[in-house]
N, C-alpha and C. Protein backbone atom coordinates (compact mmCIF):
# COMPACT_ATOMS: atom_id res chain seq x y z
N MET A 1 109.04 146.44 81.48
CA MET A 1 107.73 145.89 81.25
C MET A 1 107.86 144.77 80.20
N HIS A 2 108.00 143.53 80.66
CA HIS A 2 108.14 142.42 79.73
C HIS A 2 106.82 142.01 79.09
N GLU A 3 105.72 142.56 79.58
CA GLU A 3 104.42 142.27 78.99
C GLU A 3 104.35 142.70 77.52
N LEU A 4 105.05 143.78 77.16
CA LEU A 4 105.05 144.24 75.78
C LEU A 4 105.67 143.21 74.84
N SER A 5 106.75 142.58 75.25
CA SER A 5 107.35 141.56 74.39
C SER A 5 106.44 140.35 74.27
N PHE A 6 105.76 139.97 75.34
CA PHE A 6 104.79 138.88 75.26
C PHE A 6 103.64 139.27 74.33
N ALA A 7 103.15 140.48 74.47
CA ALA A 7 102.04 140.95 73.63
C ALA A 7 102.41 140.93 72.15
N THR A 8 103.63 141.35 71.84
CA THR A 8 104.09 141.35 70.46
C THR A 8 104.10 139.93 69.89
N GLN A 9 104.60 138.99 70.66
CA GLN A 9 104.64 137.59 70.21
C GLN A 9 103.23 137.02 70.04
N ILE A 10 102.34 137.36 70.94
CA ILE A 10 100.95 136.88 70.86
C ILE A 10 100.30 137.43 69.60
N LEU A 11 100.43 138.74 69.36
CA LEU A 11 99.83 139.35 68.17
C LEU A 11 100.38 138.72 66.90
N GLU A 12 101.69 138.50 66.84
CA GLU A 12 102.29 137.87 65.65
C GLU A 12 101.70 136.48 65.41
N ARG A 13 101.54 135.71 66.47
CA ARG A 13 100.99 134.35 66.34
C ARG A 13 99.52 134.39 65.91
N ILE A 14 98.76 135.32 66.45
CA ILE A 14 97.34 135.44 66.09
C ILE A 14 97.20 135.90 64.64
N GLU A 15 98.03 136.84 64.21
CA GLU A 15 97.98 137.28 62.81
C GLU A 15 98.34 136.13 61.87
N GLU A 16 99.29 135.31 62.28
CA GLU A 16 99.66 134.14 61.49
C GLU A 16 98.47 133.18 61.37
N GLU A 17 97.80 132.94 62.47
CA GLU A 17 96.62 132.05 62.48
C GLU A 17 95.48 132.65 61.66
N ALA A 18 95.33 133.97 61.71
CA ALA A 18 94.23 134.64 61.01
C ALA A 18 94.36 134.54 59.49
N ARG A 19 95.55 134.29 58.99
CA ARG A 19 95.71 134.14 57.54
C ARG A 19 94.91 132.95 57.00
N SER A 20 94.58 132.01 57.86
CA SER A 20 93.75 130.87 57.45
C SER A 20 92.28 131.22 57.34
N PHE A 21 91.91 132.40 57.82
CA PHE A 21 90.52 132.85 57.82
C PHE A 21 90.43 134.22 57.17
N PRO A 22 90.65 134.30 55.86
CA PRO A 22 90.64 135.61 55.19
C PRO A 22 89.31 136.35 55.40
N ALA A 23 89.41 137.63 55.52
CA ALA A 23 88.27 138.54 55.70
C ALA A 23 87.60 138.41 57.06
N SER A 24 88.12 137.57 57.94
CA SER A 24 87.58 137.46 59.30
C SER A 24 88.36 138.38 60.23
N ARG A 25 87.72 138.73 61.34
CA ARG A 25 88.37 139.52 62.37
C ARG A 25 88.33 138.73 63.66
N VAL A 26 89.32 138.94 64.49
CA VAL A 26 89.36 138.30 65.80
C VAL A 26 88.44 139.08 66.73
N THR A 27 87.51 138.37 67.38
CA THR A 27 86.59 139.02 68.30
C THR A 27 86.93 138.74 69.76
N ARG A 28 87.63 137.63 70.00
CA ARG A 28 87.96 137.27 71.37
C ARG A 28 89.21 136.39 71.39
N VAL A 29 90.06 136.63 72.40
CA VAL A 29 91.27 135.83 72.60
C VAL A 29 91.31 135.44 74.07
N ARG A 30 91.52 134.13 74.31
CA ARG A 30 91.65 133.66 75.69
C ARG A 30 93.07 133.13 75.87
N LEU A 31 93.75 133.67 76.87
CA LEU A 31 95.14 133.30 77.16
C LEU A 31 95.23 132.65 78.53
N SER A 32 96.21 131.80 78.68
CA SER A 32 96.55 131.19 79.95
C SER A 32 97.97 131.63 80.28
N ALA A 33 98.14 132.36 81.39
CA ALA A 33 99.45 132.89 81.77
C ALA A 33 99.92 132.24 83.05
N GLY A 34 101.05 131.55 82.97
CA GLY A 34 101.60 130.88 84.13
C GLY A 34 102.08 131.85 85.19
N GLU A 35 101.80 131.52 86.43
CA GLU A 35 102.19 132.36 87.57
C GLU A 35 103.70 132.60 87.61
N MET A 36 104.46 131.62 87.17
CA MET A 36 105.91 131.73 87.22
C MET A 36 106.46 132.84 86.32
N LEU A 37 105.68 133.24 85.31
CA LEU A 37 106.12 134.28 84.39
C LEU A 37 106.01 135.68 84.99
N SER A 38 105.28 135.81 86.09
CA SER A 38 105.09 137.10 86.77
C SER A 38 104.53 138.16 85.83
N ILE A 39 103.54 137.77 85.05
CA ILE A 39 102.89 138.71 84.13
C ILE A 39 101.77 139.44 84.87
N GLU A 40 101.73 140.73 84.69
CA GLU A 40 100.64 141.54 85.22
C GLU A 40 99.55 141.51 84.15
N ASN A 41 98.45 140.83 84.45
CA ASN A 41 97.39 140.63 83.45
C ASN A 41 96.86 141.92 82.86
N ALA A 42 96.65 142.92 83.69
CA ALA A 42 96.13 144.20 83.19
C ALA A 42 97.13 144.86 82.24
N SER A 43 98.40 144.75 82.55
CA SER A 43 99.43 145.33 81.68
C SER A 43 99.51 144.59 80.35
N LEU A 44 99.42 143.26 80.40
CA LEU A 44 99.44 142.48 79.16
C LEU A 44 98.23 142.83 78.29
N ALA A 45 97.06 142.91 78.89
CA ALA A 45 95.85 143.28 78.13
C ALA A 45 96.00 144.67 77.53
N PHE A 46 96.53 145.62 78.30
CA PHE A 46 96.73 146.98 77.81
C PHE A 46 97.68 146.99 76.61
N CYS A 47 98.79 146.27 76.75
CA CYS A 47 99.78 146.21 75.65
C CYS A 47 99.16 145.59 74.40
N LEU A 48 98.42 144.50 74.57
CA LEU A 48 97.78 143.85 73.42
C LEU A 48 96.80 144.80 72.73
N GLU A 49 96.00 145.50 73.52
CA GLU A 49 95.04 146.44 72.94
C GLU A 49 95.77 147.56 72.20
N ALA A 50 96.85 148.05 72.77
CA ALA A 50 97.58 149.17 72.16
C ALA A 50 98.24 148.76 70.84
N ILE A 51 98.90 147.62 70.80
CA ILE A 51 99.62 147.24 69.58
C ILE A 51 98.72 146.60 68.53
N SER A 52 97.50 146.22 68.92
CA SER A 52 96.62 145.57 67.94
C SER A 52 95.74 146.58 67.19
N ALA A 53 95.84 147.84 67.51
CA ALA A 53 95.05 148.86 66.80
C ALA A 53 95.36 148.78 65.31
N GLY A 54 94.29 148.64 64.51
CA GLY A 54 94.44 148.56 63.06
C GLY A 54 94.77 147.17 62.55
N SER A 55 94.92 146.21 63.45
CA SER A 55 95.23 144.83 63.03
C SER A 55 93.96 143.98 63.01
N VAL A 56 94.12 142.73 62.65
CA VAL A 56 93.00 141.79 62.63
C VAL A 56 92.41 141.59 64.03
N MET A 57 93.16 141.99 65.05
CA MET A 57 92.74 141.81 66.43
C MET A 57 92.20 143.10 67.06
N ASP A 58 92.10 144.14 66.29
CA ASP A 58 91.62 145.44 66.78
C ASP A 58 90.23 145.29 67.40
N GLY A 59 90.10 145.68 68.66
CA GLY A 59 88.82 145.65 69.35
C GLY A 59 88.44 144.30 69.94
N ALA A 60 89.29 143.30 69.83
CA ALA A 60 88.97 141.97 70.35
C ALA A 60 88.95 141.98 71.89
N LYS A 61 88.06 141.18 72.44
CA LYS A 61 87.99 140.99 73.88
C LYS A 61 89.17 140.09 74.28
N ILE A 62 89.86 140.47 75.33
CA ILE A 62 91.04 139.72 75.77
C ILE A 62 90.76 139.16 77.16
N GLU A 63 90.83 137.84 77.27
CA GLU A 63 90.64 137.16 78.56
C GLU A 63 91.96 136.51 78.94
N ILE A 64 92.39 136.76 80.16
CA ILE A 64 93.65 136.18 80.63
C ILE A 64 93.37 135.44 81.94
N ILE A 65 93.71 134.17 81.94
CA ILE A 65 93.53 133.34 83.12
C ILE A 65 94.92 132.98 83.66
N GLU A 66 95.13 133.20 84.95
CA GLU A 66 96.42 132.86 85.53
C GLU A 66 96.44 131.39 85.92
N THR A 67 97.49 130.69 85.50
CA THR A 67 97.67 129.29 85.83
C THR A 67 98.63 129.21 87.02
N PRO A 68 98.21 128.55 88.10
CA PRO A 68 99.08 128.46 89.27
C PRO A 68 100.33 127.61 88.99
N LEU A 69 101.36 127.86 89.75
CA LEU A 69 102.59 127.10 89.64
C LEU A 69 102.39 125.73 90.27
N GLU A 70 102.58 124.69 89.48
CA GLU A 70 102.44 123.33 89.98
C GLU A 70 103.78 122.62 89.81
N LEU A 71 104.23 121.98 90.89
CA LEU A 71 105.49 121.27 90.89
C LEU A 71 105.26 119.79 91.19
N GLU A 72 106.17 118.96 90.68
CA GLU A 72 106.16 117.55 91.03
C GLU A 72 107.42 117.28 91.82
N CYS A 73 107.25 116.70 92.99
CA CYS A 73 108.37 116.45 93.90
C CYS A 73 109.33 115.42 93.31
N ALA A 74 110.61 115.73 93.39
CA ALA A 74 111.64 114.83 92.87
C ALA A 74 111.79 113.59 93.75
N ARG A 75 111.47 113.69 95.01
CA ARG A 75 111.64 112.56 95.93
C ARG A 75 110.40 111.67 95.99
N CYS A 76 109.24 112.24 96.32
CA CYS A 76 108.05 111.40 96.55
C CYS A 76 107.08 111.38 95.37
N GLY A 77 107.31 112.23 94.35
CA GLY A 77 106.47 112.22 93.17
C GLY A 77 105.14 112.95 93.32
N ARG A 78 104.90 113.56 94.46
CA ARG A 78 103.64 114.27 94.69
C ARG A 78 103.59 115.56 93.89
N SER A 79 102.48 115.80 93.20
CA SER A 79 102.26 117.08 92.53
C SER A 79 101.55 118.01 93.49
N HIS A 80 101.97 119.26 93.49
CA HIS A 80 101.35 120.22 94.39
C HIS A 80 101.43 121.63 93.82
N ILE A 81 100.48 122.46 94.23
CA ILE A 81 100.50 123.87 93.88
C ILE A 81 101.52 124.53 94.79
N ALA A 82 102.41 125.28 94.19
CA ALA A 82 103.49 125.91 94.94
C ALA A 82 103.46 127.41 94.74
N SER A 83 104.32 128.09 95.43
CA SER A 83 104.49 129.53 95.24
C SER A 83 105.98 129.83 95.31
N ALA A 84 106.34 131.00 94.88
CA ALA A 84 107.75 131.40 94.93
C ALA A 84 108.23 131.44 96.37
N LEU A 85 107.33 131.73 97.30
CA LEU A 85 107.70 131.80 98.72
C LEU A 85 107.82 130.41 99.34
N GLU A 86 107.09 129.43 98.82
CA GLU A 86 107.11 128.08 99.37
C GLU A 86 107.11 127.05 98.26
N PRO A 87 108.27 126.85 97.60
CA PRO A 87 108.32 125.94 96.46
C PRO A 87 108.52 124.46 96.82
N ARG A 88 108.83 124.17 98.06
CA ARG A 88 109.14 122.79 98.44
C ARG A 88 107.88 121.95 98.67
N CYS A 89 108.04 120.66 98.51
CA CYS A 89 106.95 119.70 98.70
C CYS A 89 106.43 119.77 100.13
N PRO A 90 105.11 119.88 100.32
CA PRO A 90 104.57 119.95 101.67
C PRO A 90 104.66 118.60 102.41
N ARG A 91 104.84 117.52 101.67
CA ARG A 91 104.93 116.20 102.29
C ARG A 91 106.34 115.90 102.80
N CYS A 92 107.37 116.11 101.94
CA CYS A 92 108.72 115.68 102.32
C CYS A 92 109.75 116.81 102.32
N GLY A 93 109.38 117.98 101.81
CA GLY A 93 110.29 119.13 101.84
C GLY A 93 111.29 119.21 100.69
N GLU A 94 111.22 118.27 99.77
CA GLU A 94 112.15 118.24 98.63
C GLU A 94 111.70 119.25 97.57
N SER A 95 112.64 119.71 96.75
CA SER A 95 112.27 120.59 95.63
C SER A 95 111.74 119.71 94.49
N GLY A 96 111.14 120.35 93.53
CA GLY A 96 110.54 119.59 92.43
C GLY A 96 110.73 120.25 91.10
N SER A 97 110.15 119.65 90.09
CA SER A 97 110.21 120.20 88.74
C SER A 97 108.85 120.77 88.36
N VAL A 98 108.89 121.76 87.50
CA VAL A 98 107.68 122.47 87.09
C VAL A 98 106.82 121.57 86.19
N VAL A 99 105.55 121.44 86.55
CA VAL A 99 104.57 120.69 85.76
C VAL A 99 103.66 121.66 85.00
N ALA A 100 103.31 122.75 85.63
CA ALA A 100 102.43 123.76 85.02
C ALA A 100 102.71 125.12 85.66
N GLY A 101 102.30 126.16 84.95
CA GLY A 101 102.44 127.50 85.49
C GLY A 101 103.65 128.27 85.01
N ALA A 102 104.32 127.75 83.95
CA ALA A 102 105.50 128.44 83.43
C ALA A 102 105.32 128.83 81.97
N ASP A 103 104.11 128.69 81.44
CA ASP A 103 103.85 128.93 80.03
C ASP A 103 102.85 130.06 79.82
N LEU A 104 102.93 130.66 78.65
CA LEU A 104 101.91 131.58 78.18
C LEU A 104 101.31 130.93 76.95
N ILE A 105 100.03 130.58 77.03
CA ILE A 105 99.38 129.79 75.99
C ILE A 105 98.19 130.55 75.43
N ILE A 106 98.09 130.57 74.11
CA ILE A 106 96.88 131.07 73.46
C ILE A 106 95.90 129.90 73.47
N GLU A 107 94.93 129.96 74.35
CA GLU A 107 93.98 128.86 74.52
C GLU A 107 92.92 128.85 73.42
N GLU A 108 92.46 130.05 73.05
CA GLU A 108 91.36 130.13 72.09
C GLU A 108 91.40 131.46 71.35
N ILE A 109 91.12 131.39 70.05
CA ILE A 109 90.97 132.58 69.23
C ILE A 109 89.61 132.47 68.58
N GLU A 110 88.78 133.47 68.78
CA GLU A 110 87.43 133.46 68.20
C GLU A 110 87.39 134.47 67.05
N PHE A 111 86.93 134.01 65.90
CA PHE A 111 86.82 134.87 64.73
C PHE A 111 85.35 135.13 64.44
N ASN A 112 85.05 136.30 63.87
CA ASN A 112 83.71 136.53 63.36
C ASN A 112 83.65 135.93 61.96
N GLU A 113 82.46 135.71 61.48
CA GLU A 113 82.32 135.18 60.13
C GLU A 113 82.23 136.34 59.15
N PRO A 114 82.88 136.21 58.02
CA PRO A 114 82.80 137.27 57.02
C PRO A 114 81.34 137.52 56.61
N ASP A 115 81.04 138.75 56.22
CA ASP A 115 79.68 139.08 55.79
C ASP A 115 79.22 138.16 54.68
N GLY A 116 77.97 137.72 54.77
CA GLY A 116 77.38 136.90 53.72
C GLY A 116 77.61 135.42 53.88
N GLU A 117 78.37 135.01 54.89
CA GLU A 117 78.60 133.58 55.11
C GLU A 117 77.94 133.15 56.40
N ALA A 118 77.46 131.92 56.44
CA ALA A 118 76.82 131.40 57.64
C ALA A 118 77.65 130.32 58.28
C-alpha cells in the first residue's frame, strides 16, 4: 500500500505549512493525484485520516481529484489524454512524454481562524 507513504509526505508538508499559521487548524485539504501514480483515492484518504489523528490536520475534510494522464507526442506534438492501455498518439501512433498526470499536488490547504481573530 504505497498510499501510506504518500500520506506521510503530505502530512509532513501540511504540518510544515501550518507553522506559518500558529494556533490554526487545517479544516480542508484538496489534492490532485495523477492517474499515472495508481493511487487509490479512498485508501489515501483513509491513511491521511488515520495518521493525522492528534495533528493540526485532525478532522480535516480531504478532497482528492484524479488528474488524467496527458502525453505530448514526440513526432507530431499533439497533446492527448492517454491511458496505460493506450499510451500512443491517436493521430500518428508515436509515443510521447508526460505533460500531466504523474504528480501528487497539494492544491489547497484551508485553515480555520484562531479564536478571537477575524
